[in-house]
Amino acid sequence: MTEVHLKGRLVCRDENEAALVDTHLPRHVELTRAEQGCRSFSVTPTEDCLVWGVEEVFDDAASFRRHQERVRGSEWGTVIARIERDYYITGL
């Protein structure tokens, strides 16, 4: 079983997008950390108030894909649909 690692950034265009992230992020983190197969998950602010660092580790490709499916259908997925994500993924 190969772990899947995602690392990157969530990049907002303006303070309105950043406010959406601030509002909806705590619940997204809570739900993701409760998912079967999630080993670690963090979204943390950077020095730039419009950018968050993202790091995720899942047990395997199946658990990572389940996470992605859940996010697509979630409030978080809807809210951040237009926010830039700059990620790289290993283990798939």
PDB file of N, CA and C in Angstrom:
ATOM      1  N   MET A   1       0.850  -1.173   0.000  1.00  0.00           N
ATOM      2  CA  MET A   1       0.000   0.000   0.000  1.00  0.00           C
ATOM      3  C   MET A   1       0.900   1.242   0.000  1.00  0.00           C
ATOM      4  N   THR A   2       0.697   2.120  -0.957  1.00  0.00           N
ATOM      5  CA  THR A   2       1.499   3.328  -1.088  1.00  0.00           C
ATOM      6  C   THR A   2       0.732   4.532  -0.563  1.00  0.00           C
ATOM      7  N   GLU A   3       1.332   5.255   0.358  1.00  0.00           N
ATOM      8  CA  GLU A   3       0.716   6.489   0.853  1.00  0.00           C
ATOM      9  C   GLU A   3       0.622   7.515  -0.267  1.00  0.00           C
ATOM     10  N   VAL A   4      -0.411   8.332  -0.189  1.00  0.00           N
ATOM     11  CA  VAL A   4      -0.571   9.443  -1.117  1.00  0.00           C
ATOM     12  C   VAL A   4      -0.298  10.726  -0.349  1.00  0.00           C
ATOM     13  N   HIS A   5       0.593  11.546  -0.890  1.00  0.00           N
ATOM     14  CA  HIS A   5       0.951  12.831  -0.284  1.00  0.00           C
ATOM     15  C   HIS A   5       0.549  13.953  -1.234  1.00  0.00           C
ATOM     16  N   LEU A   6      -0.110  14.947  -0.695  1.00  0.00           N
ATOM     17  CA  LEU A   6      -0.428  16.166  -1.442  1.00  0.00           C
ATOM     18  C   LEU A   6       0.218  17.318  -0.699  1.00  0.00           C
ATOM     19  N   LYS A   7       0.873  18.180  -1.440  1.00  0.00           N
ATOM     20  CA  LYS A   7       1.482  19.364  -0.837  1.00  0.00           C
ATOM     21  C   LYS A   7       1.318  20.514  -1.816  1.00  0.00           C
ATOM     22  N   GLY A   8       1.032  21.684  -1.282  1.00  0.00           N
ATOM     23  CA  GLY A   8       0.888  22.828  -2.165  1.00  0.00           C
ATOM     24  C   GLY A   8       0.291  24.029  -1.476  1.00  0.00           C
ATOM     25  N   ARG A   9      -0.451  24.815  -2.286  1.00  0.00           N
ATOM     26  CA  ARG A   9      -0.983  26.078  -1.782  1.00  0.00           C
ATOM     27  C   ARG A   9      -2.409  26.288  -2.274  1.00  0.00           C
ATOM     28  N   LEU A  10      -3.161  26.977  -1.465  1.00  0.00           N
ATOM     29  CA  LEU A  10      -4.477  27.494  -1.817  1.00  0.00           C
ATOM     30  C   LEU A  10      -4.280  29.000  -1.936  1.00  0.00           C
ATOM     31  N   VAL A  11      -4.537  29.574  -3.122  1.00  0.00           N
ATOM     32  CA  VAL A  11      -4.185  30.969  -3.397  1.00  0.00           C
ATOM     33  C   VAL A  11      -5.447  31.772  -3.718  1.00  0.00           C
ATOM     34  N   CYS A  12      -5.805  32.673  -2.831  1.00  0.00           N
ATOM     35  CA  CYS A  12      -6.984  33.521  -3.027  1.00  0.00           C
ATOM     36  C   CYS A  12      -6.611  34.750  -3.853  1.00  0.00           C
ATOM     37  N   ARG A  13      -7.574  35.232  -4.635  1.00  0.00           N
ATOM     38  CA  ARG A  13      -7.343  36.431  -5.457  1.00  0.00           C
ATOM     39  C   ARG A  13      -7.519  37.710  -4.662  1.00  0.00           C
ATOM     40  N   ASP A  14      -8.355  37.638  -3.623  1.00  0.00           N
ATOM     41  CA  ASP A  14      -8.663  38.868  -2.890  1.00  0.00           C
ATOM     42  C   ASP A  14      -9.147  38.526  -1.482  1.00  0.00           C
ATOM     43  N   GLU A  15      -9.432  39.552  -0.712  1.00  0.00           N
ATOM     44  CA  GLU A  15      -9.858  39.360   0.678  1.00  0.00           C
ATOM     45  C   GLU A  15     -11.213  38.669   0.782  1.00  0.00           C
ATOM     46  N   ASN A  16     -12.074  38.819  -0.210  1.00  0.00           N
ATOM     47  CA  ASN A  16     -13.368  38.132  -0.185  1.00  0.00           C
ATOM     48  C   ASN A  16     -13.184  36.620  -0.249  1.00  0.00           C
ATOM     49  N   GLU A  17     -12.309  36.161  -1.142  1.00  0.00           N
ATOM     50  CA  GLU A  17     -12.027  34.728  -1.205  1.00  0.00           C
ATOM     51  C   GLU A  17     -11.368  34.252   0.085  1.00  0.00           C
ATOM     52  N   ALA A  18     -10.455  35.042   0.621  1.00  0.00           N
ATOM     53  CA  ALA A  18      -9.789  34.672   1.873  1.00  0.00           C
ATOM     54  C   ALA A  18     -10.800  34.551   3.008  1.00  0.00           C
ATOM     55  N   ALA A  19     -11.792  35.422   3.033  1.00  0.00           N
ATOM     56  CA  ALA A  19     -12.828  35.358   4.069  1.00  0.00           C
ATOM     57  C   ALA A  19     -13.649  34.079   3.933  1.00  0.00           C
ATOM     58  N   LEU A  20     -13.912  33.640   2.703  1.00  0.00           N
ATOM     59  CA  LEU A  20     -14.629  32.379   2.493  1.00  0.00           C
ATOM     60  C   LEU A  20     -13.830  31.204   3.049  1.00  0.00           C
ATOM     61  N   VAL A  21     -12.525  31.212   2.786  1.00  0.00           N
ATOM     62  CA  VAL A  21     -11.669  30.148   3.316  1.00  0.00           C
ATOM     63  C   VAL A  21     -11.706  30.171   4.840  1.00  0.00           C
ATOM     64  N   ASP A  22     -11.520  31.336   5.442  1.00  0.00           N
ATOM     65  CA  ASP A  22     -11.544  31.454   6.904  1.00  0.00           C
ATOM     66  C   ASP A  22     -12.844  30.918   7.494  1.00  0.00           C
ATOM     67  N   THR A  23     -13.949  31.213   6.843  1.00  0.00           N
ATOM     68  CA  THR A  23     -15.261  30.813   7.356  1.00  0.00           C
ATOM     69  C   THR A  23     -15.488  29.312   7.260  1.00  0.00           C
ATOM     70  N   HIS A  24     -15.121  28.719   6.137  1.00  0.00           N
ATOM     71  CA  HIS A  24     -15.485  27.326   5.865  1.00  0.00           C
ATOM     72  C   HIS A  24     -14.388  26.309   6.178  1.00  0.00           C
ATOM     73  N   LEU A  25     -13.163  26.762   6.375  1.00  0.00           N
ATOM     74  CA  LEU A  25     -12.047  25.842   6.583  1.00  0.00           C
ATOM     75  C   LEU A  25     -12.166  24.981   7.838  1.00  0.00           C
ATOM     76  N   PRO A  26     -12.547  25.505   8.993  1.00  0.00           N
ATOM     77  CA  PRO A  26     -12.570  24.658  10.192  1.00  0.00           C
ATOM     78  C   PRO A  26     -13.427  23.394  10.031  1.00  0.00           C
ATOM     79  N   ARG A  27     -14.592  23.518   9.432  1.00  0.00           N
ATOM     80  CA  ARG A  27     -15.460  22.344   9.243  1.00  0.00           C
ATOM     81  C   ARG A  27     -14.843  21.377   8.235  1.00  0.00           C
ATOM     82  N   HIS A  28     -14.235  21.907   7.187  1.00  0.00           N
ATOM     83  CA  HIS A  28     -13.589  21.048   6.192  1.00  0.00           C
ATOM     84  C   HIS A  28     -12.459  20.244   6.836  1.00  0.00           C
ATOM     85  N   VAL A  29     -11.663  20.888   7.654  1.00  0.00           N
ATOM     86  CA  VAL A  29     -10.567  20.196   8.341  1.00  0.00           C
ATOM     87  C   VAL A  29     -11.132  19.111   9.256  1.00  0.00           C
ATOM     88  N   GLU A  30     -12.160  19.441  10.009  1.00  0.00           N
ATOM     89  CA  GLU A  30     -12.780  18.474  10.920  1.00  0.00           C
ATOM     90  C   GLU A  30     -13.281  17.247  10.157  1.00  0.00           C
ATOM     91  N   LEU A  31     -13.999  17.460   9.073  1.00  0.00           N
ATOM     92  CA  LEU A  31     -14.547  16.344   8.292  1.00  0.00           C
ATOM     93  C   LEU A  31     -13.443  15.516   7.646  1.00  0.00           C
ATOM     94  N   THR A  32     -12.421  16.180   7.136  1.00  0.00           N
ATOM     95  CA  THR A  32     -11.341  15.455   6.466  1.00  0.00           C
ATOM     96  C   THR A  32     -10.559  14.606   7.453  1.00  0.00           C
ATOM     97  N   ARG A  33     -10.231  15.150   8.599  1.00  0.00           N
ATOM     98  CA  ARG A  33      -9.458  14.380   9.586  1.00  0.00           C
ATOM     99  C   ARG A  33     -10.232  13.176  10.105  1.00  0.00           C
ATOM    100  N   ALA A  34     -11.551  13.211   9.996  1.00  0.00           N
ATOM    101  CA  ALA A  34     -12.388  12.089  10.438  1.00  0.00           C
ATOM    102  C   ALA A  34     -12.527  11.006   9.368  1.00  0.00           C
ATOM    103  N   GLU A  35     -12.084  11.264   8.161  1.00  0.00           N
ATOM    104  CA  GLU A  35     -12.219  10.299   7.073  1.00  0.00           C
ATOM    105  C   GLU A  35     -11.325   9.090   7.301  1.00  0.00           C
ATOM    106  N   GLN A  36     -11.853   7.924   6.947  1.00  0.00           N
ATOM    107  CA  GLN A  36     -11.051   6.713   6.995  1.00  0.00           C
ATOM    108  C   GLN A  36      -9.908   6.847   5.990  1.00  0.00           C
ATOM    109  N   GLY A  37      -8.704   6.587   6.431  1.00  0.00           N
ATOM    110  CA  GLY A  37      -7.544   6.652   5.552  1.00  0.00           C
ATOM    111  C   GLY A  37      -6.780   7.957   5.604  1.00  0.00           C
ATOM    112  N   CYS A  38      -7.306   8.962   6.297  1.00  0.00           N
ATOM    113  CA  CYS A  38      -6.595  10.236   6.417  1.00  0.00           C
ATOM    114  C   CYS A  38      -5.579  10.116   7.548  1.00  0.00           C
ATOM    115  N   ARG A  39      -4.314  10.211   7.216  1.00  0.00           N
ATOM    116  CA  ARG A  39      -3.254  10.140   8.233  1.00  0.00           C
ATOM    117  C   ARG A  39      -2.929  11.514   8.795  1.00  0.00           C
ATOM    118  N   SER A  40      -2.891  12.504   7.927  1.00  0.00           N
ATOM    119  CA  SER A  40      -2.669  13.873   8.394  1.00  0.00           C
ATOM    120  C   SER A  40      -3.244  14.839   7.367  1.00  0.00           C
ATOM    121  N   PHE A  41      -3.655  15.989   7.879  1.00  0.00           N
ATOM    122  CA  PHE A  41      -4.276  16.992   7.021  1.00  0.00           C
ATOM    123  C   PHE A  41      -4.095  18.345   7.677  1.00  0.00           C
ATOM    124  N   SER A  42      -3.474  19.283   6.952  1.00  0.00           N
ATOM    125  CA  SER A  42      -3.331  20.629   7.504  1.00  0.00           C
ATOM    126  C   SER A  42      -3.443  21.661   6.392  1.00  0.00           C
ATOM    127  N   VAL A  43      -4.114  22.736   6.725  1.00  0.00           N
ATOM    128  CA  VAL A  43      -4.208  23.912   5.863  1.00  0.00           C
ATOM    129  C   VAL A  43      -3.866  25.079   6.777  1.00  0.00           C
ATOM    130  N   THR A  44      -2.709  25.690   6.547  1.00  0.00           N
ATOM    131  CA  THR A  44      -2.214  26.705   7.470  1.00  0.00           C
ATOM    132  C   THR A  44      -1.913  28.013   6.745  1.00  0.00           C
ATOM    133  N   PRO A  45      -2.184  29.135   7.412  1.00  0.00           N
ATOM    134  CA  PRO A  45      -1.889  30.429   6.799  1.00  0.00           C
ATOM    135  C   PRO A  45      -0.390  30.603   6.586  1.00  0.00           C
ATOM    136  N   THR A  46      -0.052  31.385   5.586  1.00  0.00           N
ATOM    137  CA  THR A  46       1.345  31.740   5.331  1.00  0.00           C
ATOM    138  C   THR A  46       1.521  33.225   5.654  1.00  0.00           C
ATOM    139  N   GLU A  47       2.693  33.749   5.387  1.00  0.00           N
ATOM    140  CA  GLU A  47       2.933  35.181   5.609  1.00  0.00           C
ATOM    141  C   GLU A  47       2.053  36.049   4.720  1.00  0.00           C
ATOM    142  N   ASP A  48       1.663  35.511   3.576  1.00  0.00           N
ATOM    143  CA  ASP A  48       0.759  36.211   2.663  1.00  0.00           C
ATOM    144  C   ASP A  48      -0.672  35.887   3.088  1.00  0.00           C
ATOM    145  N   CYS A  49      -1.452  36.876   3.457  1.00  0.00           N
ATOM    146  CA  CYS A  49      -2.798  36.640   3.991  1.00  0.00           C
ATOM    147  C   CYS A  49      -3.765  36.057   2.962  1.00  0.00           C
ATOM    148  N   LEU A  50      -3.339  35.929   1.715  1.00  0.00           N
ATOM    149  CA  LEU A  50      -4.189  35.346   0.678  1.00  0.00           C
ATOM    150  C   LEU A  50      -3.777  33.920   0.315  1.00  0.00           C
ATOM    151  N   VAL A  51      -2.779  33.381   1.008  1.00  0.00           N
ATOM    152  CA  VAL A  51      -2.236  32.064   0.660  1.00  0.00           C
ATOM    153  C   VAL A  51      -2.194  31.160   1.887  1.00  0.00           C
ATOM    154  N   TRP A  52      -2.608  29.903   1.704  1.00  0.00           N
ATOM    155  CA  TRP A  52      -2.535  28.881   2.744  1.00  0.00           C
ATOM    156  C   TRP A  52      -1.675  27.739   2.232  1.00  0.00           C
ATOM    157  N   GLY A  53      -0.865  27.171   3.123  1.00  0.00           N
ATOM    158  CA  GLY A  53      -0.116  25.970   2.804  1.00  0.00           C
ATOM    159  C   GLY A  53      -0.993  24.756   3.069  1.00  0.00           C
ATOM    160  N   VAL A  54      -0.950  23.788   2.174  1.00  0.00           N
ATOM    161  CA  VAL A  54      -1.789  22.593   2.285  1.00  0.00           C
ATOM    162  C   VAL A  54      -0.894  21.365   2.278  1.00  0.00           C
ATOM    163  N   GLU A  55      -1.112  20.467   3.251  1.00  0.00           N
ATOM    164  CA  GLU A  55      -0.402  19.189   3.289  1.00  0.00           C
ATOM    165  C   GLU A  55      -1.380  18.106   3.702  1.00  0.00           C
ATOM    166  N   GLU A  56      -1.405  17.027   2.912  1.00  0.00           N
ATOM    167  CA  GLU A  56      -2.313  15.916   3.175  1.00  0.00           C
ATOM    168  C   GLU A  56      -1.555  14.610   3.009  1.00  0.00           C
ATOM    169  N   VAL A  57      -1.878  13.633   3.855  1.00  0.00           N
ATOM    170  CA  VAL A  57      -1.357  12.279   3.697  1.00  0.00           C
ATOM    171  C   VAL A  57      -2.523  11.319   3.896  1.00  0.00           C
ATOM    172  N   PHE A  58      -2.698  10.425   2.918  1.00  0.00           N
ATOM    173  CA  PHE A  58      -3.734   9.400   2.992  1.00  0.00           C
ATOM    174  C   PHE A  58      -3.085   8.032   2.876  1.00  0.00           C
ATOM    175  N   ASP A  59      -3.741   7.026   3.444  1.00  0.00           N
ATOM    176  CA  ASP A  59      -3.203   5.666   3.457  1.00  0.00           C
ATOM    177  C   ASP A  59      -2.861   5.148   2.069  1.00  0.00           C
ATOM    178  N   ASP A  60      -3.727   5.437   1.105  1.00  0.00           N
ATOM    179  CA  ASP A  60      -3.567   4.866  -0.230  1.00  0.00           C
ATOM    180  C   ASP A  60      -4.394   5.658  -1.237  1.00  0.00           C
ATOM    181  N   ALA A  61      -4.292   5.265  -2.499  1.00  0.00           N
ATOM    182  CA  ALA A  61      -5.001   5.973  -3.567  1.00  0.00           C
ATOM    183  C   ALA A  61      -6.513   5.919  -3.375  1.00  0.00           C
ATOM    184  N   ALA A  62      -7.032   4.795  -2.918  1.00  0.00           N
ATOM    185  CA  ALA A  62      -8.485   4.670  -2.745  1.00  0.00           C
ATOM    186  C   ALA A  62      -9.001   5.654  -1.700  1.00  0.00           C
ATOM    187  N   SER A  63      -8.319   5.780  -0.580  1.00  0.00           N
ATOM    188  CA  SER A  63      -8.784   6.714   0.452  1.00  0.00           C
ATOM    189  C   SER A  63      -8.632   8.163  -0.014  1.00  0.00           C
ATOM    190  N   PHE A  64      -7.585   8.456  -0.780  1.00  0.00           N
ATOM    191  CA  PHE A  64      -7.414   9.807  -1.315  1.00  0.00           C
ATOM    192  C   PHE A  64      -8.530  10.133  -2.306  1.00  0.00           C
ATOM    193  N   ARG A  65      -8.864   9.186  -3.161  1.00  0.00           N
ATOM    194  CA  ARG A  65      -9.937   9.422  -4.145  1.00  0.00           C
ATOM    195  C   ARG A  65     -11.292   9.590  -3.463  1.00  0.00           C
ATOM    196  N   ARG A  66     -11.537   8.829  -2.413  1.00  0.00           N
ATOM    197  CA  ARG A  66     -12.793   9.009  -1.649  1.00  0.00           C
ATOM    198  C   ARG A  66     -12.851  10.419  -1.068  1.00  0.00           C
ATOM    199  N   HIS A  67     -11.730  10.889  -0.566  1.00  0.00           N
ATOM    200  CA  HIS A  67     -11.661  12.252  -0.041  1.00  0.00           C
ATOM    201  C   HIS A  67     -11.997  13.259  -1.138  1.00  0.00           C
ATOM    202  N   GLN A  68     -11.386  13.109  -2.293  1.00  0.00           N
ATOM    203  CA  GLN A  68     -11.656  14.043  -3.387  1.00  0.00           C
ATOM    204  C   GLN A  68     -13.130  14.023  -3.793  1.00  0.00           C
ATOM    205  N   GLU A  69     -13.732  12.858  -3.825  1.00  0.00           N
ATOM    206  CA  GLU A  69     -15.156  12.750  -4.166  1.00  0.00           C
ATOM    207  C   GLU A  69     -16.016  13.456  -3.126  1.00  0.00           C
ATOM    208  N   ARG A  70     -15.690  13.268  -1.844  1.00  0.00           N
ATOM    209  CA  ARG A  70     -16.459  13.926  -0.798  1.00  0.00           C
ATOM    210  C   ARG A  70     -16.350  15.440  -0.939  1.00  0.00           C
ATOM    211  N   VAL A  71     -15.143  15.928  -1.189  1.00  0.00           N
ATOM    212  CA  VAL A  71     -14.934  17.370  -1.299  1.00  0.00           C
ATOM    213  C   VAL A  71     -15.729  17.945  -2.466  1.00  0.00           C
ATOM    214  N   ARG A  72     -15.731  17.262  -3.604  1.00  0.00           N
ATOM    215  CA  ARG A  72     -16.466  17.770  -4.771  1.00  0.00           C
ATOM    216  C   ARG A  72     -17.935  18.007  -4.457  1.00  0.00           C
ATOM    217  N   GLY A  73     -18.530  17.177  -3.627  1.00  0.00           N
ATOM    218  CA  GLY A  73     -19.945  17.309  -3.308  1.00  0.00           C
ATOM    219  C   GLY A  73     -20.232  18.090  -2.042  1.00  0.00           C
ATOM    220  N   SER A  74     -19.216  18.703  -1.462  1.00  0.00           N
ATOM    221  CA  SER A  74     -19.385  19.366  -0.168  1.00  0.00           C
ATOM    222  C   SER A  74     -19.546  20.876  -0.314  1.00  0.00           C
ATOM    223  N   GLU A  75     -19.951  21.494   0.785  1.00  0.00           N
ATOM    224  CA  GLU A  75     -20.031  22.954   0.828  1.00  0.00           C
ATOM    225  C   GLU A  75     -18.655  23.565   0.559  1.00  0.00           C
ATOM    226  N   TRP A  76     -17.627  22.992   1.163  1.00  0.00           N
ATOM    227  CA  TRP A  76     -16.262  23.471   0.950  1.00  0.00           C
ATOM    228  C   TRP A  76     -15.907  23.425  -0.534  1.00  0.00           C
ATOM    229  N   GLY A  77     -16.205  22.320  -1.181  1.00  0.00           N
ATOM    230  CA  GLY A  77     -15.900  22.180  -2.600  1.00  0.00           C
ATOM    231  C   GLY A  77     -16.575  23.239  -3.445  1.00  0.00           C
ATOM    232  N   THR A  78     -17.808  23.572  -3.096  1.00  0.00           N
ATOM    233  CA  THR A  78     -18.541  24.613  -3.814  1.00  0.00           C
ATOM    234  C   THR A  78     -17.922  25.979  -3.564  1.00  0.00           C
ATOM    235  N   VAL A  79     -17.610  26.259  -2.305  1.00  0.00           N
ATOM    236  CA  VAL A  79     -17.079  27.574  -1.919  1.00  0.00           C
ATOM    237  C   VAL A  79     -15.720  27.851  -2.564  1.00  0.00           C
ATOM    238  N   ILE A  80     -14.860  26.839  -2.640  1.00  0.00           N
ATOM    239  CA  ILE A  80     -13.503  27.085  -3.155  1.00  0.00           C
ATOM    240  C   ILE A  80     -13.346  26.737  -4.632  1.00  0.00           C
ATOM    241  N   ALA A  81     -14.419  26.439  -5.305  1.00  0.00           N
ATOM    242  CA  ALA A  81     -14.336  25.983  -6.698  1.00  0.00           C
ATOM    243  C   ALA A  81     -13.520  26.916  -7.586  1.00  0.00           C
ATOM    244  N   ARG A  82     -13.582  28.203  -7.343  1.00  0.00           N
ATOM    245  CA  ARG A  82     -12.880  29.165  -8.205  1.00  0.00           C
ATOM    246  C   ARG A  82     -11.565  29.667  -7.608  1.00  0.00           C
ATOM    247  N   ILE A  83     -11.218  29.160  -6.433  1.00  0.00           N
ATOM    248  CA  ILE A  83      -9.966  29.579  -5.804  1.00  0.00           C
ATOM    249  C   ILE A  83      -8.830  28.718  -6.360  1.00  0.00           C
ATOM    250  N   GLU A  84      -7.723  29.371  -6.692  1.00  0.00           N
ATOM    251  CA  GLU A  84      -6.583  28.660  -7.279  1.00  0.00           C
ATOM    252  C   GLU A  84      -5.989  27.670  -6.287  1.00  0.00           C
ATOM    253  N   ARG A  85      -5.725  26.474  -6.799  1.00  0.00           N
ATOM    254  CA  ARG A  85      -5.022  25.450  -6.028  1.00  0.00           C
ATOM    255  C   ARG A  85      -3.763  25.069  -6.792  1.00  0.00           C
ATOM    256  N   ASP A  86      -2.645  25.135  -6.121  1.00  0.00           N
ATOM    257  CA  ASP A  86      -1.345  24.834  -6.715  1.00  0.00           C
ATOM    258  C   ASP A  86      -0.767  23.669  -5.923  1.00  0.00           C
ATOM    259  N   TYR A  87      -1.054  22.431  -6.360  1.00  0.00           N
ATOM    260  CA  TYR A  87      -0.699  21.230  -5.609  1.00  0.00           C
ATOM    261  C   TYR A  87       0.184  20.310  -6.441  1.00  0.00           C
ATOM    262  N   TYR A  88       0.974  19.502  -5.753  1.00  0.00           N
ATOM    263  CA  TYR A  88       1.563  18.342  -6.406  1.00  0.00           C
ATOM    264  C   TYR A  88       1.262  17.135  -5.537  1.00  0.00           C
ATOM    265  N   ILE A  89       1.075  16.008  -6.191  1.00  0.00           N
ATOM    266  CA  ILE A  89       0.630  14.788  -5.527  1.00  0.00           C
ATOM    267  C   ILE A  89       1.601  13.671  -5.874  1.00  0.00           C
ATOM    268  N   THR A  90       2.003  12.900  -4.863  1.00  0.00           N
ATOM    269  CA  THR A  90       2.826  11.717  -5.090  1.00  0.00           C
ATOM    270  C   THR A  90       2.107  10.505  -4.517  1.00  0.00           C
ATOM    271  N   GLY A  91       2.380   9.342  -5.094  1.00  0.00           N
ATOM    272  CA  GLY A  91       1.813   8.102  -4.593  1.00  0.00           C
ATOM    273  C   GLY A  91       0.618   7.598  -5.365  1.00  0.00           C
ATOM    274  N   LEU A  92       0.212   8.313  -6.378  1.00  0.00           N
ATOM    275  CA  LEU A  92      -0.919   7.840  -7.198  1.00  0.00           C
ATOM    276  C   LEU A  92      -0.410   7.044  -8.373  1.00  0.00           C
TER     277      LEU A  92
END
